[in-house]
Amino acid sequence: AIAWALAALILAVTIPLNLIFSRLNINFDMTPNSLYTLTKTTTDYLDSLERQNIKVDVYFLMPMEEMEGELELLALYRTLLAYDEYECFNLIDFDPDTEPQLLKDLNPNNVYNLTERDFMFSYNGMVKRMPARLMYTYQTATDERGNEYVVNATFNAENYLTGAMKSVVDGVQPTVY
């Protein structure tokens, strides 16, 4: 009887709090490694860009609304929301199929070989493409029937997103030999 009363009490408190936080768009990162929270190094860098009034255009070839319900993209979705809280990270998300002119303007002659979910960073004439496949690293295995499956996925987006911003802001274009 006491267990049922405690369960009812927990639900009576948790559900209204969840509704209030949801309505106010307040999120808490309760993941073990603070997966949805930007590191101090990144926030310090973003703060320094804001102090310098630098704004990097970040084109994301997928509407954010489409990511909201996809569990496998939740870490990327939350990370992009965290970056987007900064004025220096000007997130421009769009569907390349429904906005082909924007894609064409971004990528004349298909120079950057952009595909869905890729990123384009632009600042003062410097442009950097960030392929979507870099956001996660997958460790796979094969079952007895020869089917491959994912054993582990590592989220890499923060390092790549901050690095791409730094690259275009600093004007560094890597040389391919």
Protein backbone atom coordinates (compact mmCIF):
# COMPACT_ATOMS: atom_id res chain seq x y z
CA ALA A 1 0.00 0.00 0.00
CA ILE A 2 2.84 2.40 0.83
CA ALA A 3 4.57 1.57 -2.46
CA TRP A 4 1.41 2.43 -4.41
CA ALA A 5 1.02 5.68 -2.51
CA LEU A 6 4.64 6.65 -3.23
CA ALA A 7 4.24 5.75 -6.91
CA ALA A 8 1.08 7.87 -7.12
CA LEU A 9 2.84 10.76 -5.37
CA ILE A 10 5.82 10.58 -7.74
CA LEU A 11 3.50 10.59 -10.75
CA ALA A 12 1.46 13.44 -9.28
CA VAL A 13 4.62 15.56 -9.08
CA THR A 14 6.49 14.36 -12.17
CA ILE A 15 3.75 14.67 -14.76
CA PRO A 16 2.86 18.33 -14.04
CA LEU A 17 6.56 19.26 -13.86
CA ASN A 18 7.19 17.55 -17.18
CA LEU A 19 4.26 19.41 -18.76
CA ILE A 20 5.46 22.75 -17.38
CA PHE A 21 9.06 22.19 -18.56
CA SER A 22 7.83 21.03 -21.94
CA ARG A 23 5.60 24.10 -22.33
CA LEU A 24 8.45 26.42 -21.33
CA ASN A 25 10.88 24.52 -23.60
CA ILE A 26 13.23 23.79 -20.67
CA ASN A 27 15.49 20.76 -20.98
CA PHE A 28 17.86 19.12 -18.54
CA ASP A 29 20.80 17.06 -19.72
CA MET A 30 20.67 14.01 -17.48
CA THR A 31 22.84 11.82 -19.71
CA PRO A 32 25.90 10.28 -17.98
CA ASN A 33 28.44 12.17 -20.13
CA SER A 34 26.42 15.40 -20.57
CA LEU A 35 25.86 14.41 -24.18
CA TYR A 36 23.51 17.34 -24.85
CA THR A 37 25.63 20.01 -23.15
CA LEU A 38 28.38 21.88 -24.98
CA THR A 39 31.83 21.64 -23.41
CA LYS A 40 33.43 24.61 -21.69
CA THR A 41 35.98 24.84 -24.53
CA THR A 42 33.20 25.22 -27.08
CA THR A 43 31.17 27.69 -25.02
CA ASP A 44 34.30 29.78 -24.37
CA TYR A 45 35.02 29.83 -28.11
CA LEU A 46 31.42 30.78 -28.96
CA ASP A 47 31.50 33.50 -26.29
CA SER A 48 34.70 34.91 -27.82
CA LEU A 49 33.07 35.00 -31.27
CA GLU A 50 30.09 36.83 -29.80
CA ARG A 51 32.36 39.42 -28.16
CA GLN A 52 33.91 40.02 -31.60
CA ASN A 53 30.44 40.25 -33.24
CA ILE A 54 31.28 37.38 -35.58
CA LYS A 55 28.38 35.47 -37.09
CA VAL A 56 28.95 32.25 -39.03
CA ASP A 57 26.19 31.08 -41.37
CA VAL A 58 25.65 27.36 -40.80
CA TYR A 59 23.49 25.74 -43.46
CA PHE A 60 22.03 22.40 -42.49
CA LEU A 61 20.49 20.40 -45.32
CA MET A 62 17.61 19.04 -43.28
CA PRO A 63 14.73 20.80 -41.53
CA MET A 64 15.14 20.67 -37.75
CA GLU A 65 11.47 19.67 -37.34
CA GLU A 66 12.23 16.41 -39.14
CA MET A 67 14.92 15.54 -36.59
CA GLU A 68 12.78 16.11 -33.53
CA GLY A 69 11.14 12.69 -33.54
CA GLU A 70 14.11 10.63 -34.73
CA LEU A 71 15.69 8.93 -31.74
CA GLU A 72 18.98 8.21 -33.54
CA LEU A 73 19.37 11.95 -34.30
CA LEU A 74 18.40 13.22 -30.84
CA ALA A 75 21.98 13.99 -29.78
CA LEU A 76 22.59 16.01 -32.96
CA TYR A 77 19.24 17.78 -32.61
CA ARG A 78 19.92 18.81 -29.00
CA THR A 79 23.48 19.85 -29.84
CA LEU A 80 22.29 22.07 -32.69
CA LEU A 81 19.74 23.68 -30.37
CA ALA A 82 22.55 24.39 -27.88
CA TYR A 83 24.71 26.00 -30.58
CA ASP A 84 21.74 27.96 -31.92
CA GLU A 85 21.40 29.73 -28.57
CA TYR A 86 24.48 31.71 -29.61
CA GLU A 87 24.15 34.62 -32.05
CA CYS A 88 27.47 33.70 -33.68
CA PHE A 89 26.00 30.36 -34.86
CA ASN A 90 23.43 31.36 -37.48
CA LEU A 91 21.68 28.05 -38.15
CA ILE A 92 19.83 27.96 -41.47
CA ASP A 93 18.08 24.63 -41.83
CA PHE A 94 16.26 23.75 -45.01
CA ASP A 95 15.04 20.89 -47.16
CA PRO A 96 17.12 20.77 -50.36
CA ASP A 97 14.26 19.03 -52.18
CA THR A 98 11.71 21.77 -51.46
CA GLU A 99 14.21 24.67 -51.67
CA PRO A 100 16.42 23.72 -54.63
CA GLN A 101 17.29 27.36 -55.40
CA LEU A 102 18.91 27.84 -51.99
CA LEU A 103 20.91 24.68 -52.55
CA LYS A 104 21.95 25.92 -56.00
CA ASP A 105 22.97 29.32 -54.59
CA LEU A 106 25.03 27.61 -51.89
CA ASN A 107 26.59 25.10 -54.20
CA PRO A 108 26.89 26.34 -57.77
CA ASN A 109 28.06 23.63 -60.18
CA ASN A 110 27.82 21.10 -57.31
CA VAL A 111 31.38 21.94 -56.28
CA TYR A 112 30.85 20.74 -52.70
CA ASN A 113 28.95 17.53 -53.52
CA LEU A 114 26.37 18.25 -50.82
CA THR A 115 23.89 15.59 -49.72
CA GLU A 116 21.00 15.54 -47.27
CA ARG A 117 22.00 16.27 -43.65
CA ASP A 118 25.34 17.83 -44.66
CA PHE A 119 26.47 21.16 -43.23
CA MET A 120 27.96 24.21 -44.95
CA PHE A 121 29.79 26.83 -42.89
CA SER A 122 30.28 30.28 -44.39
CA TYR A 123 32.03 33.37 -43.09
CA ASN A 124 33.66 36.25 -45.02
CA GLY A 125 33.94 34.24 -48.23
CA MET A 126 35.38 31.16 -46.53
CA VAL A 127 33.27 28.03 -46.95
CA LYS A 128 33.62 24.61 -45.38
CA ARG A 129 31.52 21.52 -46.05
CA MET A 130 30.87 19.17 -43.18
CA PRO A 131 29.55 15.76 -44.31
CA ALA A 132 26.75 14.29 -42.21
CA ARG A 133 28.56 10.96 -41.95
CA LEU A 134 31.15 12.55 -39.62
CA MET A 135 28.61 13.28 -36.87
CA TYR A 136 28.58 9.69 -35.61
CA THR A 137 31.13 6.87 -35.66
CA TYR A 138 29.64 3.40 -35.71
CA GLN A 139 31.18 0.17 -34.49
CA THR A 140 29.49 -2.76 -36.22
CA ALA A 141 29.46 -6.52 -35.97
CA THR A 142 28.12 -9.31 -38.15
CA ASP A 143 25.67 -11.94 -36.96
CA GLU A 144 25.76 -15.64 -37.89
CA ARG A 145 23.66 -14.96 -41.03
CA GLY A 146 26.05 -12.32 -42.30
CA ASN A 147 23.87 -9.33 -41.37
CA GLU A 148 25.73 -6.29 -40.10
CA TYR A 149 24.40 -4.46 -37.04
CA VAL A 150 25.52 -1.51 -34.93
CA VAL A 151 27.18 -2.42 -31.64
CA ASN A 152 28.15 1.08 -30.55
CA ALA A 153 27.71 4.64 -31.84
CA THR A 154 29.92 7.53 -30.80
CA PHE A 155 28.70 11.11 -31.17
CA ASN A 156 31.38 13.38 -32.68
CA ALA A 157 29.39 16.42 -33.80
CA GLU A 158 30.58 19.00 -31.29
CA ASN A 159 34.25 18.63 -32.24
CA TYR A 160 33.48 18.83 -35.95
CA LEU A 161 31.00 21.73 -35.70
CA THR A 162 33.31 23.86 -33.57
CA GLY A 163 36.30 22.95 -35.74
CA ALA A 164 34.46 23.94 -38.92
CA MET A 165 33.49 27.28 -37.38
CA LYS A 166 37.09 27.92 -36.34
CA SER A 167 38.29 26.97 -39.82
CA VAL A 168 36.12 29.52 -41.63
CA VAL A 169 36.59 32.25 -39.02
CA ASP A 170 40.38 31.85 -39.04
CA GLY A 171 40.41 31.61 -42.83
CA VAL A 172 42.22 28.27 -42.79
CA GLN A 173 41.69 26.07 -45.81
CA PRO A 174 43.35 22.68 -45.49
CA THR A 175 45.63 21.62 -48.31
CA VAL A 176 45.10 18.21 -49.85
CA TYR A 177 48.28 16.62 -51.17
